Amino acid sequence: MNYSEIEQALIEFRNKKGWQKYHNLKDLAISLNIESSEVLEIFQWHNANQKLDNRENQHLQEELADTLIYIFYMCEKLQVDSFEIVAQKMKINQSRHWDTERKTQ
């Protein structure tokens, strides 16, 4: 599926469920934050180099999908193409410079 097909399928699913009344930017942002927290929860209590087992990997994929779905719904509300805004942000980042060394006080 391409982006337009995914977006259309998500809109049809949302409308079939009658959820469009809940799909305002504030509530979508809250839902996005909740889903992204579920991504973080998978890594809670793991050390930085610990690999995920198959169950955790599958769970992570599902939570990433949930997060992307809310991002796609927000982009639809804003009438922007998610790929286009990522491309625009990448152009901005090309000219940015980050200090990679931590500053100590």
Protein backbone atom coordinates (compact mmCIF):
# COMPACT_ATOMS: atom_id res chain seq x y z
CA MET A 1 0.00 0.00 0.00
CA ASN A 2 1.16 3.52 -0.68
CA TYR A 3 0.56 6.49 1.60
CA SER A 4 -2.70 7.56 -0.08
CA GLU A 5 -4.11 4.05 0.18
CA ILE A 6 -3.14 3.77 3.85
CA GLU A 7 -4.62 7.18 4.61
CA GLN A 8 -7.86 6.29 2.82
CA ALA A 9 -8.11 2.93 4.64
CA LEU A 10 -7.57 4.66 8.00
CA ILE A 11 -10.24 7.28 7.25
CA GLU A 12 -12.72 4.61 6.15
CA PHE A 13 -12.00 2.56 9.30
CA ARG A 14 -12.41 5.64 11.52
CA ASN A 15 -15.67 6.62 9.85
CA LYS A 16 -17.06 3.08 9.98
CA LYS A 17 -16.41 3.02 13.74
CA GLY A 18 -17.95 6.50 14.19
CA TRP A 19 -14.78 7.87 15.74
CA GLN A 20 -14.51 11.07 13.67
CA LYS A 21 -16.21 13.03 16.50
CA TYR A 22 -13.19 12.21 18.71
CA HIS A 23 -10.61 13.07 16.07
CA ASN A 24 -9.72 16.64 16.91
CA LEU A 25 -6.08 17.71 17.15
CA LYS A 26 -6.06 17.87 20.96
CA ASP A 27 -7.42 14.36 21.47
CA LEU A 28 -5.27 12.94 18.68
CA ALA A 29 -2.19 14.51 20.32
CA ILE A 30 -3.13 12.96 23.66
CA SER A 31 -3.59 9.56 22.02
CA LEU A 32 -0.29 9.90 20.19
CA ASN A 33 1.47 10.61 23.47
CA ILE A 34 -0.17 7.60 25.15
CA GLU A 35 0.88 5.30 22.31
CA SER A 36 4.44 6.65 22.27
CA SER A 37 4.59 5.99 26.02
CA GLU A 38 3.66 2.38 25.28
CA VAL A 39 6.68 2.22 22.95
CA LEU A 40 8.87 3.47 25.79
CA GLU A 41 7.36 1.00 28.24
CA ILE A 42 8.73 -1.91 26.18
CA PHE A 43 12.25 -0.75 27.00
CA GLN A 44 11.63 -0.07 30.68
CA TRP A 45 14.04 -2.07 32.83
CA HIS A 46 16.19 -3.11 29.84
CA ASN A 47 19.80 -2.08 29.70
CA ALA A 48 20.82 -0.09 26.63
CA ASN A 49 22.37 -3.05 24.78
CA GLN A 50 19.74 -5.65 25.57
CA LYS A 51 18.07 -7.14 22.51
CA LEU A 52 14.33 -7.57 22.35
CA ASP A 53 12.94 -11.07 22.27
CA ASN A 54 10.44 -12.07 19.55
CA ARG A 55 7.41 -11.19 21.67
CA GLU A 56 8.82 -7.77 22.57
CA ASN A 57 9.79 -7.12 18.96
CA GLN A 58 6.24 -7.90 17.80
CA HIS A 59 4.80 -5.72 20.56
CA LEU A 60 7.11 -2.87 19.54
CA GLN A 61 5.99 -3.13 15.93
CA GLU A 62 2.34 -2.95 16.99
CA GLU A 63 2.94 0.09 19.19
CA LEU A 64 4.94 1.83 16.43
CA ALA A 65 2.01 1.19 14.08
CA ASP A 66 -0.42 2.67 16.61
CA THR A 67 1.81 5.73 16.94
CA LEU A 68 2.04 6.16 13.18
CA ILE A 69 -1.72 5.82 12.83
CA TYR A 70 -2.29 8.76 15.16
CA ILE A 71 0.35 10.76 13.29
CA PHE A 72 -1.42 10.00 10.01
CA TYR A 73 -4.76 11.06 11.51
CA MET A 74 -3.20 14.33 12.71
CA CYS A 75 -1.69 14.97 9.29
CA GLU A 76 -5.09 14.34 7.70
CA LYS A 77 -6.65 16.90 10.08
CA LEU A 78 -3.93 19.41 9.16
CA GLN A 79 -4.30 18.53 5.47
CA VAL A 80 -0.57 17.85 5.11
CA ASP A 81 1.32 14.90 3.66
CA SER A 82 3.40 13.27 6.38
CA PHE A 83 6.16 12.33 3.92
CA GLU A 84 6.33 15.91 2.66
CA ILE A 85 6.66 17.45 6.12
CA VAL A 86 9.41 14.94 6.96
CA ALA A 87 11.23 15.89 3.75
CA GLN A 88 10.89 19.58 4.64
CA LYS A 89 12.23 18.97 8.14
CA MET A 90 15.17 17.01 6.75
CA LYS A 91 16.08 20.05 4.62
CA ILE A 92 16.01 22.24 7.72
CA ASN A 93 18.16 19.75 9.63
CA GLN A 94 20.77 19.73 6.84
CA SER A 95 21.77 23.27 7.81
CA ARG A 96 21.63 22.74 11.58
CA HIS A 97 24.63 21.94 13.71
CA TRP A 98 24.49 20.11 17.02
CA ASP A 99 27.12 20.07 19.71
CA THR A 100 27.64 16.34 20.19
CA GLU A 101 29.78 16.75 23.28
CA ARG A 102 27.99 17.10 26.59
CA LYS A 103 28.71 20.27 28.39
CA THR A 104 29.64 19.88 32.04
CA GLN A 105 29.20 22.56 34.62
